Each structure stands twice: as C-alpha cells, then as structure tokens.
Amino acid sequence: MPLVGFLPARDERVRNTVEAIERELLEDGLVLRYRPQECGVDGLPGREGVFLPCSFWLVACWHLLGRKKEARELFERLLDVRNDLGLLSEEYDPREKRQLGNFPQAFSHVALLRAARVLDDEQETATSI
C-alpha cells in the first residue's frame, strides 16, 4: 500500500498488514502469494514456491517502516537467488534452492529494481512515511 502511495508506511493498517503477511505468508523467511493447500484458490496439485515479487515488496515495506537492517538482509538474500546471468523466475523453492515458474520473469525484476530504489533513496522514504 505505501509503495503505490495508497497509505503512508507508518499507518497502523500498513503495519497490521505487514504483521499479517509475516504471520501467515512467510515460508523460510520469504513471502508466498497464498497457501494453496489451505485455501484451494487455484485448484492445482502440489505446493507453490515463494513469490519473488512479494518478497521484494516486503523488503521495501520493511525499509519504509524503519526496519532497514532486516530489509537489507532480505534484499541480499533475494539477490543470491538469481542465476549466473542475474535472472529471476517468478517463484523460488527455498527447500530445493531452485527457481520455479515463468523464467525469466519481468515482474520479479521490476520488484527487485523498486526495492533497490527504496533502499537507496532516503527522499522516497521520507515522503512515503
């Protein structure tokens, strides 16, 4: 929500949303889109990997909330997921340590760039809070 200017990062609703994401959607420290086995949303068998764009969005939100050390650590971890050419897929399996889904995924790369900009741009942080 703060990434698109809907609410300031320090708004209680943003903090509560981030807490809910941490509580419900973190798997091995990375963010799932949803838990398909629990909600039956897509009807597909098997499990999903973590969704890389969502994980990069969490980086940006943590930074905007003042959790800069955590944001930087997660960002560095996500950078380690890239392949030898620096490319990302849409999902990642932290257990198998491999990328899943559409590859390369522009959505993941856009989220990476956005998170990098938030981490590097204190002016954006100031106007987003």
Protein backbone atom coordinates (compact mmCIF):
# COMPACT_ATOMS: atom_id res chain seq x y z
CA MET A 1 0.00 0.00 0.00
CA PRO A 2 2.76 2.53 0.76
CA LEU A 3 4.60 1.51 -2.41
CA VAL A 4 1.80 2.93 -4.56
CA GLY A 5 1.00 5.90 -2.33
CA PHE A 6 -2.29 4.49 -1.01
CA LEU A 7 -1.32 4.83 2.66
CA PRO A 8 1.77 6.14 4.43
CA ALA A 9 4.11 3.39 5.62
CA ARG A 10 3.64 4.22 9.30
CA ASP A 11 -0.15 3.95 9.11
CA GLU A 12 -1.45 1.35 11.55
CA ARG A 13 -3.21 -0.52 8.72
CA VAL A 14 0.08 -0.91 6.87
CA ARG A 15 1.85 -2.16 10.00
CA ASN A 16 -1.00 -4.61 10.65
CA THR A 17 -0.89 -5.83 7.04
CA VAL A 18 2.86 -6.41 7.22
CA GLU A 19 2.41 -8.29 10.51
CA ALA A 20 -0.29 -10.47 8.93
CA ILE A 21 1.97 -11.22 5.96
CA GLU A 22 4.79 -12.16 8.34
CA ARG A 23 2.47 -14.37 10.38
CA GLU A 24 0.54 -16.04 7.55
CA LEU A 25 2.66 -15.98 4.40
CA LEU A 26 6.33 -16.25 5.33
CA GLU A 27 8.00 -19.52 4.43
CA ASP A 28 11.67 -19.81 5.27
CA GLY A 29 11.78 -16.02 5.55
CA LEU A 30 10.35 -15.38 2.06
CA VAL A 31 6.78 -14.47 1.05
CA LEU A 32 4.19 -16.78 -0.50
CA ARG A 33 1.41 -15.33 -2.66
CA TYR A 34 -1.04 -17.51 -0.77
CA ARG A 35 -1.17 -21.00 0.73
CA PRO A 36 -2.93 -23.06 -1.98
CA GLN A 37 -3.22 -26.17 0.16
CA GLU A 38 -5.14 -24.20 2.79
CA CYS A 39 -7.40 -22.04 0.64
CA GLY A 40 -7.85 -24.09 -2.53
CA VAL A 41 -7.65 -20.94 -4.64
CA ASP A 42 -6.12 -22.32 -7.80
CA GLY A 43 -7.19 -25.97 -7.71
CA LEU A 44 -3.74 -27.08 -8.82
CA PRO A 45 -2.00 -30.02 -7.16
CA GLY A 46 1.22 -29.58 -5.23
CA ARG A 47 2.67 -26.63 -3.48
CA GLU A 48 3.90 -23.27 -4.70
CA GLY A 49 7.28 -21.73 -4.17
CA VAL A 50 7.67 -18.35 -2.55
CA PHE A 51 6.71 -15.50 -4.86
CA LEU A 52 9.75 -13.34 -5.50
CA PRO A 53 7.90 -10.07 -6.26
CA CYS A 54 6.06 -10.29 -2.93
CA SER A 55 9.36 -10.87 -1.14
CA PHE A 56 10.87 -7.78 -2.77
CA TRP A 57 7.76 -5.79 -1.81
CA LEU A 58 8.33 -6.85 1.80
CA VAL A 59 11.91 -5.53 1.55
CA ALA A 60 10.58 -2.12 0.52
CA CYS A 61 7.87 -2.10 3.19
CA TRP A 62 10.30 -3.06 5.95
CA HIS A 63 12.61 -0.25 4.87
CA LEU A 64 9.77 2.27 4.82
CA LEU A 65 8.73 1.08 8.30
CA GLY A 66 12.24 1.78 9.58
CA ARG A 67 13.28 -1.88 9.68
CA LYS A 68 16.27 -1.11 7.49
CA LYS A 69 18.62 -3.85 8.69
CA GLU A 70 16.01 -6.56 8.09
CA ALA A 71 15.16 -5.04 4.72
CA ARG A 72 18.80 -5.02 3.61
CA GLU A 73 19.36 -8.61 4.80
CA LEU A 74 16.31 -9.90 2.94
CA PHE A 75 17.31 -7.96 -0.18
CA GLU A 76 20.79 -9.52 -0.11
CA ARG A 77 19.26 -12.96 0.37
CA LEU A 78 16.96 -12.42 -2.61
CA LEU A 79 19.89 -11.32 -4.76
CA ASP A 80 21.53 -14.67 -4.00
CA VAL A 81 18.55 -16.42 -5.63
CA ARG A 82 19.49 -15.04 -9.08
CA ASN A 83 21.10 -17.36 -11.59
CA ASP A 84 24.57 -16.90 -13.09
CA LEU A 85 23.18 -14.31 -15.52
CA GLY A 86 21.41 -12.38 -12.78
CA LEU A 87 17.95 -13.52 -13.87
CA LEU A 88 14.98 -14.38 -11.69
CA SER A 89 11.91 -16.54 -12.14
CA GLU A 90 8.55 -15.76 -10.55
CA GLU A 91 8.94 -18.27 -7.72
CA TYR A 92 11.69 -19.89 -5.69
CA ASP A 93 11.78 -23.13 -3.71
CA PRO A 94 13.87 -22.45 -0.58
CA ARG A 95 13.99 -26.18 0.28
CA GLU A 96 15.36 -27.26 -3.09
CA LYS A 97 17.19 -23.96 -3.62
CA ARG A 98 15.93 -23.59 -7.18
CA GLN A 99 13.86 -21.18 -9.20
CA LEU A 100 10.35 -22.21 -10.28
CA GLY A 101 7.72 -21.00 -12.70
CA ASN A 102 7.96 -18.49 -15.51
CA PHE A 103 11.55 -17.65 -16.39
CA PRO A 104 12.79 -15.04 -16.74
CA GLN A 105 10.05 -13.10 -15.01
CA ALA A 106 9.91 -9.35 -15.64
CA PHE A 107 7.60 -8.88 -12.64
CA SER A 108 10.37 -10.16 -10.33
CA HIS A 109 12.95 -7.88 -11.92
CA VAL A 110 10.70 -4.83 -11.63
CA ALA A 111 10.12 -5.63 -7.95
CA LEU A 112 13.89 -6.01 -7.44
CA LEU A 113 14.52 -2.60 -9.03
CA ARG A 114 11.77 -0.97 -6.99
CA ALA A 115 13.14 -2.44 -3.74
CA ALA A 116 16.67 -1.32 -4.65
CA ARG A 117 15.40 2.19 -5.29
CA VAL A 118 13.58 2.32 -1.96
CA LEU A 119 16.66 1.03 -0.13
CA ASP A 120 18.83 3.64 -1.84
CA ASP A 121 16.50 6.62 -1.84
CA GLU A 122 16.09 8.27 1.56
CA GLN A 123 13.99 11.02 -0.04
CA GLU A 124 11.42 8.45 -1.15
CA THR A 125 11.42 7.05 2.38
CA ALA A 126 10.74 10.48 3.82
CA THR A 127 7.83 11.20 1.50
CA SER A 128 6.31 7.74 1.89
CA ILE A 129 6.07 7.83 5.68
